[in-house]
C-alpha atoms as a PDB file:
ATOM      1  CA  MET A   1       3.595  -0.992  21.624  1.00  0.00           C
ATOM      2  CA  PRO A   2       6.754  -0.843  19.709  1.00  0.00           C
ATOM      3  CA  ASP A   3       7.644   1.805  16.988  1.00  0.00           C
ATOM      4  CA  LYS A   4       6.689  -0.766  14.358  1.00  0.00           C
ATOM      5  CA  PRO A   5       3.760  -2.862  15.692  1.00  0.00           C
ATOM      6  CA  SER A   6       3.111  -6.403  14.517  1.00  0.00           C
ATOM      7  CA  VAL A   7      -0.317  -7.798  13.692  1.00  0.00           C
ATOM      8  CA  LEU A   8      -1.402 -11.353  13.164  1.00  0.00           C
ATOM      9  CA  PHE A   9      -4.664 -12.253  11.392  1.00  0.00           C
ATOM     10  CA  VAL A  10      -5.909 -15.742  12.113  1.00  0.00           C
ATOM     11  CA  CYS A  11      -8.857 -17.677  10.500  1.00  0.00           C
ATOM     12  CA  VAL A  12      -9.476 -21.312  10.108  1.00  0.00           C
ATOM     13  CA  HIS A  13      -8.106 -21.904   6.625  1.00  0.00           C
ATOM     14  CA  ASN A  14      -6.082 -18.681   6.036  1.00  0.00           C
ATOM     15  CA  ALA A  15      -7.494 -18.725   2.653  1.00  0.00           C
ATOM     16  CA  GLY A  16      -9.936 -15.823   2.752  1.00  0.00           C
ATOM     17  CA  ARG A  17     -10.522 -13.429   5.512  1.00  0.00           C
ATOM     18  CA  SER A  18      -7.056 -13.423   7.093  1.00  0.00           C
ATOM     19  CA  GLN A  19      -5.506 -13.183   3.787  1.00  0.00           C
ATOM     20  CA  MET A  20      -7.614 -10.285   2.726  1.00  0.00           C
ATOM     21  CA  ALA A  21      -7.061  -8.491   6.082  1.00  0.00           C
ATOM     22  CA  ALA A  22      -3.263  -8.940   5.855  1.00  0.00           C
ATOM     23  CA  ALA A  23      -3.267  -7.632   2.400  1.00  0.00           C
ATOM     24  CA  TRP A  24      -5.233  -4.526   3.265  1.00  0.00           C
ATOM     25  CA  LEU A  25      -3.025  -3.893   6.293  1.00  0.00           C
ATOM     26  CA  SER A  26       0.160  -4.104   4.194  1.00  0.00           C
ATOM     27  CA  HIS A  27      -1.404  -2.072   1.417  1.00  0.00           C
ATOM     28  CA  LEU A  28      -2.660   0.737   3.761  1.00  0.00           C
ATOM     29  CA  ALA A  29       0.305   0.690   6.235  1.00  0.00           C
ATOM     30  CA  GLY A  30       3.145  -0.030   4.035  1.00  0.00           C
ATOM     31  CA  ASP A  31       6.240  -0.941   5.993  1.00  0.00           C
ATOM     32  CA  ARG A  32       5.032   0.860   9.178  1.00  0.00           C
ATOM     33  CA  VAL A  33       3.413  -2.433  10.359  1.00  0.00           C
ATOM     34  CA  GLU A  34       4.718  -5.960  10.246  1.00  0.00           C
ATOM     35  CA  VAL A  35       1.956  -8.141   9.141  1.00  0.00           C
ATOM     36  CA  ARG A  36       1.331 -11.960   9.338  1.00  0.00           C
ATOM     37  CA  SER A  37      -1.516 -14.174   8.743  1.00  0.00           C
ATOM     38  CA  ALA A  38      -2.033 -17.836   9.533  1.00  0.00           C
ATOM     39  CA  GLY A  39      -4.799 -20.467   9.903  1.00  0.00           C
ATOM     40  CA  SER A  40      -5.602 -23.025  12.427  1.00  0.00           C
ATOM     41  CA  ASP A  41      -6.392 -25.511   9.734  1.00  0.00           C
ATOM     42  CA  PRO A  42      -4.821 -24.040   6.487  1.00  0.00           C
ATOM     43  CA  GLY A  43      -6.290 -24.663   3.206  1.00  0.00           C
ATOM     44  CA  ASP A  44      -4.595 -25.858   0.041  1.00  0.00           C
ATOM     45  CA  GLN A  45      -4.872 -22.387  -1.616  1.00  0.00           C
ATOM     46  CA  VAL A  46      -6.152 -18.874  -1.245  1.00  0.00           C
ATOM     47  CA  ASN A  47      -9.803 -18.650  -2.037  1.00  0.00           C
ATOM     48  CA  PRO A  48     -10.108 -17.514  -5.837  1.00  0.00           C
ATOM     49  CA  ALA A  49     -13.036 -15.208  -5.106  1.00  0.00           C
ATOM     50  CA  ALA A  50     -10.711 -13.533  -2.471  1.00  0.00           C
ATOM     51  CA  VAL A  51      -8.064 -13.088  -4.889  1.00  0.00           C
ATOM     52  CA  GLU A  52     -10.450 -11.792  -7.619  1.00  0.00           C
ATOM     53  CA  VAL A  53     -12.216  -9.240  -5.294  1.00  0.00           C
ATOM     54  CA  MET A  54      -8.760  -7.892  -3.909  1.00  0.00           C
ATOM     55  CA  ALA A  55      -7.651  -7.713  -7.494  1.00  0.00           C
ATOM     56  CA  GLU A  56     -10.632  -5.416  -8.143  1.00  0.00           C
ATOM     57  CA  VAL A  57      -9.190  -2.916  -5.787  1.00  0.00           C
ATOM     58  CA  GLY A  58      -5.608  -3.227  -7.088  1.00  0.00           C
ATOM     59  CA  ILE A  59      -4.254  -5.500  -4.458  1.00  0.00           C
ATOM     60  CA  ASP A  60      -2.679  -8.832  -5.595  1.00  0.00           C
ATOM     61  CA  ILE A  61      -2.726 -11.821  -3.357  1.00  0.00           C
ATOM     62  CA  SER A  62      -2.538 -14.451  -6.062  1.00  0.00           C
ATOM     63  CA  ALA A  63       0.969 -15.538  -4.912  1.00  0.00           C
ATOM     64  CA  GLU A  64      -0.059 -15.923  -1.248  1.00  0.00           C
ATOM     65  CA  VAL A  65      -0.310 -19.389   0.199  1.00  0.00           C
ATOM     66  CA  PRO A  66      -2.107 -20.534   3.471  1.00  0.00           C
ATOM     67  CA  LYS A  67       0.194 -20.770   6.515  1.00  0.00           C
ATOM     68  CA  ILE A  68      -0.192 -22.802   9.655  1.00  0.00           C
ATOM     69  CA  LEU A  69      -0.769 -20.906  13.023  1.00  0.00           C
ATOM     70  CA  THR A  70       2.365 -21.348  15.133  1.00  0.00           C
ATOM     71  CA  VAL A  71       2.949 -20.247  18.860  1.00  0.00           C
ATOM     72  CA  ASP A  72       5.897 -18.314  17.617  1.00  0.00           C
ATOM     73  CA  ALA A  73       3.664 -16.242  15.105  1.00  0.00           C
ATOM     74  CA  VAL A  74       1.495 -15.231  18.110  1.00  0.00           C
ATOM     75  CA  LYS A  75       4.584 -14.551  20.491  1.00  0.00           C
ATOM     76  CA  GLU A  76       6.009 -12.307  17.841  1.00  0.00           C
ATOM     77  CA  SER A  77       2.839 -10.178  17.304  1.00  0.00           C
ATOM     78  CA  ASP A  78       1.568  -7.285  19.361  1.00  0.00           C
ATOM     79  CA  VAL A  79      -2.060  -7.631  18.136  1.00  0.00           C
ATOM     80  CA  CYS A  80      -3.682 -10.948  17.271  1.00  0.00           C
ATOM     81  CA  ILE A  81      -6.848 -10.708  15.415  1.00  0.00           C
ATOM     82  CA  THR A  82      -9.056 -13.915  15.045  1.00  0.00           C
ATOM     83  CA  MET A  83     -11.847 -14.406  12.491  1.00  0.00           C
ATOM     84  CA  GLY A  84     -13.964 -17.390  13.359  1.00  0.00           C
ATOM     85  CA  CYS A  85     -11.249 -19.799  14.517  1.00  0.00           C
ATOM     86  CA  GLY A  86     -12.585 -20.185  18.098  1.00  0.00           C
ATOM     87  CA  ASP A  87     -10.137 -20.779  20.862  1.00  0.00           C
ATOM     88  CA  THR A  88      -7.274 -22.189  18.683  1.00  0.00           C
ATOM     89  CA  CYS A  89      -5.134 -19.167  19.138  1.00  0.00           C
ATOM     90  CA  PRO A  90      -2.772 -19.412  21.991  1.00  0.00           C
ATOM     91  CA  VAL A  91      -2.978 -16.618  24.535  1.00  0.00           C
ATOM     92  CA  PHE A  92       0.044 -14.872  25.946  1.00  0.00           C
ATOM     93  CA  PRO A  93       0.131 -12.042  28.593  1.00  0.00           C
ATOM     94  CA  GLY A  94       0.835  -8.631  27.098  1.00  0.00           C
ATOM     95  CA  LYS A  95      -0.774  -9.238  23.693  1.00  0.00           C
ATOM     96  CA  ARG A  96      -3.864  -7.462  22.427  1.00  0.00           C
ATOM     97  CA  TYR A  97      -6.561  -9.943  21.176  1.00  0.00           C
ATOM     98  CA  LEU A  98      -9.514  -8.922  19.011  1.00  0.00           C
ATOM     99  CA  ASP A  99     -12.206 -11.254  17.389  1.00  0.00           C
ATOM    100  CA  TRP A 100     -13.719  -9.868  14.168  1.00  0.00           C
ATOM    101  CA  GLN A 101     -16.953 -11.518  13.501  1.00  0.00           C
ATOM    102  CA  LEU A 102     -17.030 -11.666   9.690  1.00  0.00           C
ATOM    103  CA  ASP A 103     -19.047 -13.986   7.148  1.00  0.00           C
ATOM    104  CA  ASP A 104     -16.825 -16.768   5.874  1.00  0.00           C
ATOM    105  CA  PRO A 105     -16.089 -16.445   2.146  1.00  0.00           C
ATOM    106  CA  ALA A 106     -15.513 -20.097   1.782  1.00  0.00           C
ATOM    107  CA  GLY A 107     -17.547 -21.536  -1.066  1.00  0.00           C
ATOM    108  CA  GLN A 108     -18.975 -18.089  -1.896  1.00  0.00           C
ATOM    109  CA  GLY A 109     -19.056 -16.354  -5.243  1.00  0.00           C
ATOM    110  CA  VAL A 110     -17.332 -12.922  -6.018  1.00  0.00           C
ATOM    111  CA  ALA A 111     -20.614 -11.033  -5.411  1.00  0.00           C
ATOM    112  CA  ALA A 112     -20.898 -12.390  -1.869  1.00  0.00           C
ATOM    113  CA  VAL A 113     -17.196 -11.905  -1.059  1.00  0.00           C
ATOM    114  CA  ARG A 114     -17.134  -8.237  -2.059  1.00  0.00           C
ATOM    115  CA  PRO A 115     -18.938  -7.039   1.053  1.00  0.00           C
ATOM    116  CA  ILE A 116     -16.723  -9.182   3.273  1.00  0.00           C
ATOM    117  CA  ARG A 117     -13.689  -7.500   1.559  1.00  0.00           C
ATOM    118  CA  ASP A 118     -15.136  -3.907   2.206  1.00  0.00           C
ATOM    119  CA  GLU A 119     -16.045  -4.704   5.810  1.00  0.00           C
ATOM    120  CA  ILE A 120     -12.351  -5.981   6.254  1.00  0.00           C
ATOM    121  CA  GLU A 121     -11.073  -2.751   4.837  1.00  0.00           C
ATOM    122  CA  GLY A 122     -13.195  -0.731   7.221  1.00  0.00           C
ATOM    123  CA  ARG A 123     -11.952  -2.705  10.243  1.00  0.00           C
ATOM    124  CA  VAL A 124      -8.333  -2.421   9.094  1.00  0.00           C
ATOM    125  CA  ARG A 125      -8.567   1.218   8.697  1.00  0.00           C
ATOM    126  CA  GLY A 126     -10.027   1.452  12.260  1.00  0.00           C
ATOM    127  CA  LEU A 127      -7.219  -0.772  13.516  1.00  0.00           C
ATOM    128  CA  LEU A 128      -4.746   1.747  11.916  1.00  0.00           C
ATOM    129  CA  ASP A 129      -6.565   4.620  13.614  1.00  0.00           C
ATOM    130  CA  GLU A 130      -6.172   2.887  16.976  1.00  0.00           C
ATOM    131  CA  LEU A 131      -2.474   2.199  16.346  1.00  0.00           C
ATOM    132  CA  GLY A 132      -1.963   5.909  15.431  1.00  0.00           C
ATOM    133  CA  ILE A 133      -0.878   5.160  11.866  1.00  0.00           C
ATOM    134  CA  THR A 134      -2.180   7.269   8.951  1.00  0.00           C
ATOM    135  CA  ALA A 135      -3.343   4.965   6.034  1.00  0.00           C
ATOM    136  CA  GLN A 136      -1.577   5.507   2.788  1.00  0.00           C
ATOM    137  CA  ARG A 137      -3.074   5.312  -0.706  1.00  0.00           C
END
């Protein structure tokens, strides 16, 4: 793995789980990890409940927009983490692929999205440990 690993988070709409995961990784790793997120079928906007629950922990994702998953995004990433997008992520040799089984926050209220946010934080912290990067606060 290069000195500065790159991580791609992928979910269907790139509106909830992958946006929260990317925000957590950026927040905890700073500039020590290159972070991307994308969706196999991007939504029109980031889930407002995801924006709200991330704001509760001091992370602003209100300016983020869903992005389409591209082959280049996968090629340029060392680790590709999927979240309920099935087999839509292209597979290339030499990449590390993980599939995080997480509840979908789509259509959920803030109370239902908080535990998803917290589970994502824990998984991102675990990923940082695996990458040998100490989380910052």
